[in-house]
PDB file of N, CA and C in Angstrom:
ATOM      1  N   MET A   1       7.292  -4.437  23.018  1.00  0.00           N
ATOM      2  CA  MET A   1       5.781  -4.335  22.467  1.00  0.00           C
ATOM      3  C   MET A   1       4.544  -3.910  23.821  1.00  0.00           C
ATOM      4  N   SER A   2       4.209  -2.995  23.369  1.00  0.00           N
ATOM      5  CA  SER A   2       3.083  -2.938  24.323  1.00  0.00           C
ATOM      6  C   SER A   2       1.809  -3.960  24.271  1.00  0.00           C
ATOM      7  N   MET A   3       1.220  -4.497  25.515  1.00  0.00           N
ATOM      8  CA  MET A   3       0.352  -5.432  25.272  1.00  0.00           C
ATOM      9  C   MET A   3      -0.539  -5.013  24.214  1.00  0.00           C
ATOM     10  N   LYS A   4      -1.468  -3.639  24.388  1.00  0.00           N
ATOM     11  CA  LYS A   4      -2.302  -3.153  23.861  1.00  0.00           C
ATOM     12  C   LYS A   4      -2.364  -3.289  22.065  1.00  0.00           C
ATOM     13  N   ASP A   5      -1.160  -2.998  21.792  1.00  0.00           N
ATOM     14  CA  ASP A   5      -0.437  -2.848  20.174  1.00  0.00           C
ATOM     15  C   ASP A   5      -0.484  -4.796  19.939  1.00  0.00           C
ATOM     16  N   LYS A   6      -0.097  -5.751  20.720  1.00  0.00           N
ATOM     17  CA  LYS A   6      -0.365  -6.751  20.430  1.00  0.00           C
ATOM     18  C   LYS A   6      -1.548  -7.477  20.367  1.00  0.00           C
ATOM     19  N   ALA A   7      -2.249  -6.815  21.247  1.00  0.00           N
ATOM     20  CA  ALA A   7      -3.475  -7.520  21.469  1.00  0.00           C
ATOM     21  C   ALA A   7      -4.669  -7.159  19.967  1.00  0.00           C
ATOM     22  N   LYS A   8      -4.187  -5.975  19.538  1.00  0.00           N
ATOM     23  CA  LYS A   8      -4.872  -5.285  18.332  1.00  0.00           C
ATOM     24  C   LYS A   8      -4.225  -6.127  17.207  1.00  0.00           C
ATOM     25  N   ASN A   9      -2.780  -6.355  16.942  1.00  0.00           N
ATOM     26  CA  ASN A   9      -2.331  -6.904  16.122  1.00  0.00           C
ATOM     27  C   ASN A   9      -3.088  -8.545  16.058  1.00  0.00           C
ATOM     28  N   LEU A  10      -3.320  -9.124  17.059  1.00  0.00           N
ATOM     29  CA  LEU A  10      -3.790 -10.614  17.127  1.00  0.00           C
ATOM     30  C   LEU A  10      -5.103 -10.539  16.900  1.00  0.00           C
ATOM     31  N   ALA A  11      -5.702  -9.377  17.120  1.00  0.00           N
ATOM     32  CA  ALA A  11      -7.474  -9.235  16.800  1.00  0.00           C
ATOM     33  C   ALA A  11      -7.635  -9.084  15.408  1.00  0.00           C
ATOM     34  N   GLN A  12      -6.053  -8.732  14.623  1.00  0.00           N
ATOM     35  CA  GLN A  12      -6.546  -8.313  13.004  1.00  0.00           C
ATOM     36  C   GLN A  12      -6.318  -9.506  12.696  1.00  0.00           C
ATOM     37  N   ILE A  13      -5.020 -10.325  13.374  1.00  0.00           N
ATOM     38  CA  ILE A  13      -4.902 -11.602  12.456  1.00  0.00           C
ATOM     39  C   ILE A  13      -6.117 -12.472  12.552  1.00  0.00           C
ATOM     40  N   SER A  14      -6.766 -12.804  13.596  1.00  0.00           N
ATOM     41  CA  SER A  14      -7.961 -13.637  13.711  1.00  0.00           C
ATOM     42  C   SER A  14      -9.035 -12.933  13.061  1.00  0.00           C
ATOM     43  N   LYS A  15      -9.179 -11.628  13.055  1.00  0.00           N
ATOM     44  CA  LYS A  15     -10.573 -11.655  12.115  1.00  0.00           C
ATOM     45  C   LYS A  15     -10.350 -11.541  10.706  1.00  0.00           C
ATOM     46  N   GLY A  16      -8.993 -11.738  10.224  1.00  0.00           N
ATOM     47  CA  GLY A  16      -8.589 -12.180   8.638  1.00  0.00           C
ATOM     48  C   GLY A  16      -8.790 -13.612   8.365  1.00  0.00           C
ATOM     49  N   LYS A  17      -8.408 -14.297   9.764  1.00  0.00           N
ATOM     50  CA  LYS A  17      -9.030 -15.892   9.538  1.00  0.00           C
ATOM     51  C   LYS A  17      -9.989 -16.024   9.521  1.00  0.00           C
ATOM     52  N   MET A  18     -10.981 -15.288  10.270  1.00  0.00           N
ATOM     53  CA  MET A  18     -12.629 -15.625  10.017  1.00  0.00           C
ATOM     54  C   MET A  18     -12.768 -15.033   8.606  1.00  0.00           C
ATOM     55  N   LYS A  19     -12.284 -13.884   8.245  1.00  0.00           N
ATOM     56  CA  LYS A  19     -12.768 -13.371   6.736  1.00  0.00           C
ATOM     57  C   LYS A  19     -12.468 -14.754   5.772  1.00  0.00           C
ATOM     58  N   GLU A  20     -11.205 -15.253   5.734  1.00  0.00           N
ATOM     59  CA  GLU A  20     -10.889 -15.778   4.882  1.00  0.00           C
ATOM     60  C   GLU A  20     -11.800 -17.106   4.913  1.00  0.00           C
ATOM     61  N   ALA A  21     -12.301 -17.718   6.250  1.00  0.00           N
ATOM     62  CA  ALA A  21     -12.828 -18.999   6.065  1.00  0.00           C
ATOM     63  C   ALA A  21     -14.255 -19.052   6.007  1.00  0.00           C
ATOM     64  N   THR A  22     -14.930 -17.681   6.434  1.00  0.00           N
ATOM     65  CA  THR A  22     -16.423 -17.200   5.758  1.00  0.00           C
ATOM     66  C   THR A  22     -16.188 -17.188   4.009  1.00  0.00           C
ATOM     67  N   GLY A  23     -15.206 -16.444   3.613  1.00  0.00           N
ATOM     68  CA  GLY A  23     -15.362 -16.280   2.257  1.00  0.00           C
ATOM     69  C   GLY A  23     -14.829 -17.740   1.066  1.00  0.00           C
ATOM     70  N   ARG A  24     -13.972 -18.432   2.028  1.00  0.00           N
ATOM     71  CA  ARG A  24     -14.369 -19.911   1.396  1.00  0.00           C
ATOM     72  C   ARG A  24     -15.243 -20.696   1.322  1.00  0.00           C
ATOM     73  N   ALA A  25     -15.903 -20.503   2.443  1.00  0.00           N
ATOM     74  CA  ALA A  25     -17.021 -21.461   2.535  1.00  0.00           C
ATOM     75  C   ALA A  25     -18.457 -20.823   1.709  1.00  0.00           C
ATOM     76  N   MET A  26     -18.140 -19.422   1.764  1.00  0.00           N
ATOM     77  CA  MET A  26     -19.503 -19.181   0.715  1.00  0.00           C
ATOM     78  C   MET A  26     -19.329 -18.830  -0.732  1.00  0.00           C
ATOM     79  N   GLY A  27     -17.835 -19.220  -1.044  1.00  0.00           N
ATOM     80  CA  GLY A  27     -17.463 -18.941  -2.511  1.00  0.00           C
ATOM     81  C   GLY A  27     -17.134 -17.592  -2.826  1.00  0.00           C
ATOM     82  N   ASN A  28     -16.751 -16.797  -1.850  1.00  0.00           N
ATOM     83  CA  ASN A  28     -16.798 -15.617  -2.066  1.00  0.00           C
ATOM     84  C   ASN A  28     -15.289 -15.386  -2.340  1.00  0.00           C
ATOM     85  N   ASP A  29     -14.478 -15.105  -3.187  1.00  0.00           N
ATOM     86  CA  ASP A  29     -13.050 -14.974  -3.487  1.00  0.00           C
ATOM     87  C   ASP A  29     -12.675 -13.342  -3.166  1.00  0.00           C
ATOM     88  N   HIS A  30     -13.333 -12.685  -3.110  1.00  0.00           N
ATOM     89  CA  HIS A  30     -12.926 -11.045  -2.616  1.00  0.00           C
ATOM     90  C   HIS A  30     -12.844 -11.220  -0.883  1.00  0.00           C
ATOM     91  N   LEU A  31     -13.751 -11.912  -0.468  1.00  0.00           N
ATOM     92  CA  LEU A  31     -13.829 -11.655   0.925  1.00  0.00           C
ATOM     93  C   LEU A  31     -13.173 -12.747   1.516  1.00  0.00           C
ATOM     94  N   GLU A  32     -12.649 -13.893   0.788  1.00  0.00           N
ATOM     95  CA  GLU A  32     -11.280 -15.027   1.328  1.00  0.00           C
ATOM     96  C   GLU A  32     -10.190 -14.046   1.065  1.00  0.00           C
ATOM     97  N   ASP A  33      -9.601 -13.288   0.253  1.00  0.00           N
ATOM     98  CA  ASP A  33      -8.793 -12.126  -0.268  1.00  0.00           C
ATOM     99  C   ASP A  33      -8.551 -11.569   1.106  1.00  0.00           C
ATOM    100  N   GLU A  34      -9.808 -10.501   1.258  1.00  0.00           N
ATOM    101  CA  GLU A  34      -9.350  -9.552   2.217  1.00  0.00           C
ATOM    102  C   GLU A  34      -9.000 -10.262   3.580  1.00  0.00           C
ATOM    103  N   GLY A  35      -9.496 -11.471   3.922  1.00  0.00           N
ATOM    104  CA  GLY A  35      -9.073 -11.988   5.154  1.00  0.00           C
ATOM    105  C   GLY A  35      -7.393 -12.290   5.032  1.00  0.00           C
ATOM    106  N   VAL A  36      -6.833 -12.520   4.000  1.00  0.00           N
ATOM    107  CA  VAL A  36      -5.654 -13.241   3.898  1.00  0.00           C
ATOM    108  C   VAL A  36      -4.926 -11.846   4.091  1.00  0.00           C
ATOM    109  N   VAL A  37      -5.388 -10.775   3.675  1.00  0.00           N
ATOM    110  CA  VAL A  37      -4.719  -9.737   3.874  1.00  0.00           C
ATOM    111  C   VAL A  37      -4.529  -8.680   4.808  1.00  0.00           C
ATOM    112  N   ASP A  38      -6.018  -8.821   5.490  1.00  0.00           N
ATOM    113  CA  ASP A  38      -5.946  -8.727   7.074  1.00  0.00           C
ATOM    114  C   ASP A  38      -4.582  -9.476   7.909  1.00  0.00           C
ATOM    115  N   GLN A  39      -4.708 -10.926   7.456  1.00  0.00           N
ATOM    116  CA  GLN A  39      -3.730 -11.808   8.319  1.00  0.00           C
ATOM    117  C   GLN A  39      -2.166 -10.975   8.062  1.00  0.00           C
ATOM    118  N   THR A  40      -1.669 -10.580   6.832  1.00  0.00           N
ATOM    119  CA  THR A  40      -0.462 -10.690   6.492  1.00  0.00           C
ATOM    120  C   THR A  40      -0.164  -9.216   7.224  1.00  0.00           C
ATOM    121  N   LYS A  41      -1.133  -8.059   7.535  1.00  0.00           N
ATOM    122  CA  LYS A  41      -1.282  -6.763   7.855  1.00  0.00           C
ATOM    123  C   LYS A  41      -1.013  -7.117   9.489  1.00  0.00           C
ATOM    124  N   GLY A  42      -1.538  -8.300  10.199  1.00  0.00           N
ATOM    125  CA  GLY A  42      -1.182  -8.340  11.416  1.00  0.00           C
ATOM    126  C   GLY A  42       0.134  -8.573  11.780  1.00  0.00           C
ATOM    127  N   HIS A  43       0.333  -9.782  10.774  1.00  0.00           N
ATOM    128  CA  HIS A  43       2.037 -10.333  11.251  1.00  0.00           C
ATOM    129  C   HIS A  43       2.928  -9.388  10.750  1.00  0.00           C
ATOM    130  N   LEU A  44       2.680  -8.196  10.165  1.00  0.00           N
ATOM    131  CA  LEU A  44       3.992  -7.668   9.452  1.00  0.00           C
ATOM    132  C   LEU A  44       3.797  -6.617  11.052  1.00  0.00           C
ATOM    133  N   LYS A  45       2.339  -5.614  11.482  1.00  0.00           N
ATOM    134  CA  LYS A  45       2.839  -5.140  12.388  1.00  0.00           C
ATOM    135  C   LYS A  45       3.404  -5.493  13.781  1.00  0.00           C
ATOM    136  N   GLN A  46       2.844  -6.934  14.074  1.00  0.00           N
ATOM    137  CA  GLN A  46       3.850  -7.670  15.082  1.00  0.00           C
ATOM    138  C   GLN A  46       5.235  -8.028  14.795  1.00  0.00           C
ATOM    139  N   ALA A  47       5.704  -8.243  13.729  1.00  0.00           N
ATOM    140  CA  ALA A  47       7.160  -8.158  13.425  1.00  0.00           C
ATOM    141  C   ALA A  47       7.666  -6.760  13.450  1.00  0.00           C
ATOM    142  N   GLY A  48       7.076  -5.406  12.587  1.00  0.00           N
ATOM    143  CA  GLY A  48       7.757  -3.952  13.186  1.00  0.00           C
ATOM    144  C   GLY A  48       7.892  -3.728  14.649  1.00  0.00           C
ATOM    145  N   GLU A  49       6.848  -4.561  15.826  1.00  0.00           N
ATOM    146  CA  GLU A  49       6.923  -4.321  17.210  1.00  0.00           C
ATOM    147  C   GLU A  49       7.870  -4.870  17.549  1.00  0.00           C
ATOM    148  N   LYS A  50       8.289  -6.106  17.086  1.00  0.00           N
ATOM    149  CA  LYS A  50       9.333  -6.834  17.597  1.00  0.00           C
ATOM    150  C   LYS A  50      10.557  -6.212  17.554  1.00  0.00           C
ATOM    151  N   VAL A  51      10.813  -5.683  15.980  1.00  0.00           N
ATOM    152  CA  VAL A  51      12.473  -4.718  16.012  1.00  0.00           C
ATOM    153  C   VAL A  51      11.913  -3.658  16.823  1.00  0.00           C
ATOM    154  N   LYS A  52      10.948  -2.744  16.563  1.00  0.00           N
ATOM    155  CA  LYS A  52      11.028  -1.763  18.089  1.00  0.00           C
ATOM    156  C   LYS A  52      11.853  -2.426  19.377  1.00  0.00           C
ATOM    157  N   ASP A  53      11.065  -3.222  19.532  1.00  0.00           N
ATOM    158  CA  ASP A  53      11.374  -4.110  20.913  1.00  0.00           C
ATOM    159  C   ASP A  53      12.903  -4.259  21.067  1.00  0.00           C
ATOM    160  N   ALA A  54      13.496  -4.701  19.829  1.00  0.00           N
ATOM    161  CA  ALA A  54      14.879  -5.554  20.140  1.00  0.00           C
ATOM    162  C   ALA A  54      15.865  -4.019  19.760  1.00  0.00           C
ATOM    163  N   PHE A  55      15.315  -3.074  19.642  1.00  0.00           N
ATOM    164  CA  PHE A  55      16.172  -1.855  19.365  1.00  0.00           C
ATOM    165  C   PHE A  55      16.578  -1.363  20.749  1.00  0.00           C
ATOM    166  N   LYS A  56      14.872  -1.208  21.447  1.00  0.00           N
ATOM    167  CA  LYS A  56      15.236  -0.652  22.781  1.00  0.00           C
ATOM    168  C   LYS A  56      15.655  -1.663  24.267  1.00  0.00           C
ATOM    169  N   LYS A  57      15.879  -2.935  23.963  1.00  0.00           N
ATOM    170  CA  LYS A  57      16.710  -3.379  24.890  1.00  0.00           C
ATOM    171  C   LYS A  57      18.111  -3.130  24.347  1.00  0.00           C
ATOM    172  N   ARG A  58      18.483  -2.695  23.234  1.00  0.00           N
ATOM    173  CA  ARG A  58      20.434  -2.381  23.484  1.00  0.00           C
ATOM    174  C   ARG A  58      20.449  -1.256  23.985  1.00  0.00           C
TER     175      ARG A  58
END
């Protein structure tokens, strides 16, 4: 996994956590849901990169 991709994925996860917390604090369900979606996307991208790395090592 390239460091650039890893950093982008971690940034998306962090952004999602901030959106979720802000939405929860403001009582904005839509913003909270967007945060959860951003986190999920970041985690899925991380998993995809790890699968790619596993195949490259073989």
